[in-house]
Amino acid sequence: MLKEAAFRQELLFAIALFAVLAVRRAETEAYFVQAVFLILLLAVEALNTAIEVLTDAVSPGYSAFAKQSKDLGSFAVFCLLSVNALVTLFFAFLR
């Protein structure tokens, strides 16, 4: 997974989120909850990568099916990126 640019970017995102929690002196439970959501994000990114690899193997040329499957996988990753940001905002600023 480290060869995937998106995975490396998500690791940097995770570091940034933990840094925000540290600067805001969040409680231990905030780190735990954030870690759970980040692990979930990385798992979904792995599944998205698998979808992309399989889609490229099944449909090497352009097809609407291939585009839609890749877009849906990317949307799932985007949703979890958003959840991770919201969790950090909640624990760092609203709690």
C-alpha atoms as a PDB file:
ATOM      1  CA  MET A   1       0.000   0.000   0.000  1.00  0.00           C
ATOM      2  CA  LEU A   2       2.903   2.392   0.557  1.00  0.00           C
ATOM      3  CA  LYS A   3       3.336   2.532  -3.224  1.00  0.00           C
ATOM      4  CA  GLU A   4      -0.106   4.138  -3.485  1.00  0.00           C
ATOM      5  CA  ALA A   5       0.007   7.952  -3.417  1.00  0.00           C
ATOM      6  CA  ALA A   6      -3.450   8.145  -1.834  1.00  0.00           C
ATOM      7  CA  PHE A   7      -2.377   5.848   1.001  1.00  0.00           C
ATOM      8  CA  ARG A   8       0.685   8.001   1.735  1.00  0.00           C
ATOM      9  CA  GLN A   9      -1.487  11.131   1.667  1.00  0.00           C
ATOM     10  CA  GLU A  10      -3.901   9.525   4.112  1.00  0.00           C
ATOM     11  CA  LEU A  11      -1.015   8.717   6.456  1.00  0.00           C
ATOM     12  CA  LEU A  12      -0.029  12.402   6.372  1.00  0.00           C
ATOM     13  CA  PHE A  13      -3.680  13.285   6.998  1.00  0.00           C
ATOM     14  CA  ALA A  14      -3.626  10.973  10.048  1.00  0.00           C
ATOM     15  CA  ILE A  15      -0.506  12.656  11.403  1.00  0.00           C
ATOM     16  CA  ALA A  16      -2.135  16.058  10.942  1.00  0.00           C
ATOM     17  CA  LEU A  17      -5.291  14.947  12.753  1.00  0.00           C
ATOM     18  CA  PHE A  18      -3.320  13.555  15.682  1.00  0.00           C
ATOM     19  CA  ALA A  19      -1.288  16.778  15.758  1.00  0.00           C
ATOM     20  CA  VAL A  20      -4.501  18.801  16.062  1.00  0.00           C
ATOM     21  CA  LEU A  21      -5.619  16.580  18.941  1.00  0.00           C
ATOM     22  CA  ALA A  22      -2.234  17.012  20.627  1.00  0.00           C
ATOM     23  CA  VAL A  23      -2.215  20.800  20.249  1.00  0.00           C
ATOM     24  CA  ARG A  24      -5.744  20.962  21.659  1.00  0.00           C
ATOM     25  CA  ARG A  25      -4.758  18.587  24.507  1.00  0.00           C
ATOM     26  CA  ALA A  26      -7.505  16.121  23.746  1.00  0.00           C
ATOM     27  CA  GLU A  27      -8.330  13.334  26.152  1.00  0.00           C
ATOM     28  CA  THR A  28      -7.122   9.774  25.681  1.00  0.00           C
ATOM     29  CA  GLU A  29     -10.491   8.600  24.385  1.00  0.00           C
ATOM     30  CA  ALA A  30     -10.224  11.069  21.497  1.00  0.00           C
ATOM     31  CA  TYR A  31      -7.002   9.426  20.320  1.00  0.00           C
ATOM     32  CA  PHE A  32      -8.588   5.992  20.594  1.00  0.00           C
ATOM     33  CA  VAL A  33     -11.711   6.953  18.639  1.00  0.00           C
ATOM     34  CA  GLN A  34      -9.612   8.732  16.018  1.00  0.00           C
ATOM     35  CA  ALA A  35      -7.344   5.700  15.665  1.00  0.00           C
ATOM     36  CA  VAL A  36     -10.352   3.435  15.084  1.00  0.00           C
ATOM     37  CA  PHE A  37     -11.674   5.684  12.323  1.00  0.00           C
ATOM     38  CA  LEU A  38      -8.230   6.024  10.749  1.00  0.00           C
ATOM     39  CA  ILE A  39      -7.803   2.250  10.675  1.00  0.00           C
ATOM     40  CA  LEU A  40     -11.220   2.029   9.027  1.00  0.00           C
ATOM     41  CA  LEU A  41     -10.130   4.659   6.494  1.00  0.00           C
ATOM     42  CA  LEU A  42      -6.995   2.698   5.627  1.00  0.00           C
ATOM     43  CA  ALA A  43      -9.032  -0.503   5.260  1.00  0.00           C
ATOM     44  CA  VAL A  44     -11.460   1.208   2.874  1.00  0.00           C
ATOM     45  CA  GLU A  45      -8.520   2.640   0.929  1.00  0.00           C
ATOM     46  CA  ALA A  46      -7.149  -0.890   0.574  1.00  0.00           C
ATOM     47  CA  LEU A  47     -10.538  -2.080  -0.704  1.00  0.00           C
ATOM     48  CA  ASN A  48     -10.693   0.873  -3.099  1.00  0.00           C
ATOM     49  CA  THR A  49      -7.272  -0.048  -4.444  1.00  0.00           C
ATOM     50  CA  ALA A  50      -8.424  -3.645  -4.904  1.00  0.00           C
ATOM     51  CA  ILE A  51     -11.501  -2.431  -6.803  1.00  0.00           C
ATOM     52  CA  GLU A  52      -9.298  -0.316  -9.068  1.00  0.00           C
ATOM     53  CA  VAL A  53      -6.871  -3.181  -9.755  1.00  0.00           C
ATOM     54  CA  LEU A  54      -9.693  -5.627 -10.515  1.00  0.00           C
ATOM     55  CA  THR A  55     -11.536  -3.099 -12.656  1.00  0.00           C
ATOM     56  CA  ASP A  56      -8.400  -2.410 -14.694  1.00  0.00           C
ATOM     57  CA  ALA A  57      -7.887  -6.158 -15.195  1.00  0.00           C
ATOM     58  CA  VAL A  58     -11.483  -6.818 -16.241  1.00  0.00           C
ATOM     59  CA  SER A  59     -11.925  -3.674 -18.313  1.00  0.00           C
ATOM     60  CA  PRO A  60      -8.533  -2.422 -19.564  1.00  0.00           C
ATOM     61  CA  GLY A  61     -10.092   0.146 -21.900  1.00  0.00           C
ATOM     62  CA  TYR A  62     -12.542   2.880 -21.041  1.00  0.00           C
ATOM     63  CA  SER A  63     -15.993   1.779 -19.972  1.00  0.00           C
ATOM     64  CA  ALA A  64     -18.783   3.438 -18.027  1.00  0.00           C
ATOM     65  CA  PHE A  65     -18.851   0.422 -15.705  1.00  0.00           C
ATOM     66  CA  ALA A  66     -15.163   0.836 -14.866  1.00  0.00           C
ATOM     67  CA  LYS A  67     -15.558   4.561 -14.256  1.00  0.00           C
ATOM     68  CA  GLN A  68     -18.583   4.059 -12.019  1.00  0.00           C
ATOM     69  CA  SER A  69     -16.937   1.357  -9.899  1.00  0.00           C
ATOM     70  CA  LYS A  70     -13.819   3.470  -9.393  1.00  0.00           C
ATOM     71  CA  ASP A  71     -15.881   6.565  -8.587  1.00  0.00           C
ATOM     72  CA  LEU A  72     -17.916   4.669  -5.984  1.00  0.00           C
ATOM     73  CA  GLY A  73     -14.761   3.342  -4.328  1.00  0.00           C
ATOM     74  CA  SER A  74     -13.319   6.841  -4.232  1.00  0.00           C
ATOM     75  CA  PHE A  75     -16.561   8.166  -2.772  1.00  0.00           C
ATOM     76  CA  ALA A  76     -16.342   5.631   0.061  1.00  0.00           C
ATOM     77  CA  VAL A  77     -12.829   6.866   0.845  1.00  0.00           C
ATOM     78  CA  PHE A  78     -13.999  10.486   0.708  1.00  0.00           C
ATOM     79  CA  CYS A  79     -16.804   9.708   3.158  1.00  0.00           C
ATOM     80  CA  LEU A  80     -14.349   8.272   5.671  1.00  0.00           C
ATOM     81  CA  LEU A  81     -11.951  11.179   5.193  1.00  0.00           C
ATOM     82  CA  SER A  82     -14.869  13.448   6.086  1.00  0.00           C
ATOM     83  CA  VAL A  83     -15.776  11.361   9.136  1.00  0.00           C
ATOM     84  CA  ASN A  84     -12.173  11.498  10.343  1.00  0.00           C
ATOM     85  CA  ALA A  85     -12.099  15.278   9.999  1.00  0.00           C
ATOM     86  CA  LEU A  86     -15.420  15.602  11.844  1.00  0.00           C
ATOM     87  CA  VAL A  87     -14.236  13.347  14.676  1.00  0.00           C
ATOM     88  CA  THR A  88     -11.142  15.492  15.118  1.00  0.00           C
ATOM     89  CA  LEU A  89     -13.199  18.695  15.029  1.00  0.00           C
ATOM     90  CA  PHE A  90     -15.562  17.296  17.642  1.00  0.00           C
ATOM     91  CA  PHE A  91     -12.869  16.193  20.080  1.00  0.00           C
ATOM     92  CA  ALA A  92     -10.555  19.157  19.493  1.00  0.00           C
ATOM     93  CA  PHE A  93     -13.040  22.022  19.425  1.00  0.00           C
ATOM     94  CA  LEU A  94     -16.553  21.029  20.444  1.00  0.00           C
ATOM     95  CA  ARG A  95     -16.057  18.818  23.439  1.00  0.00           C
END
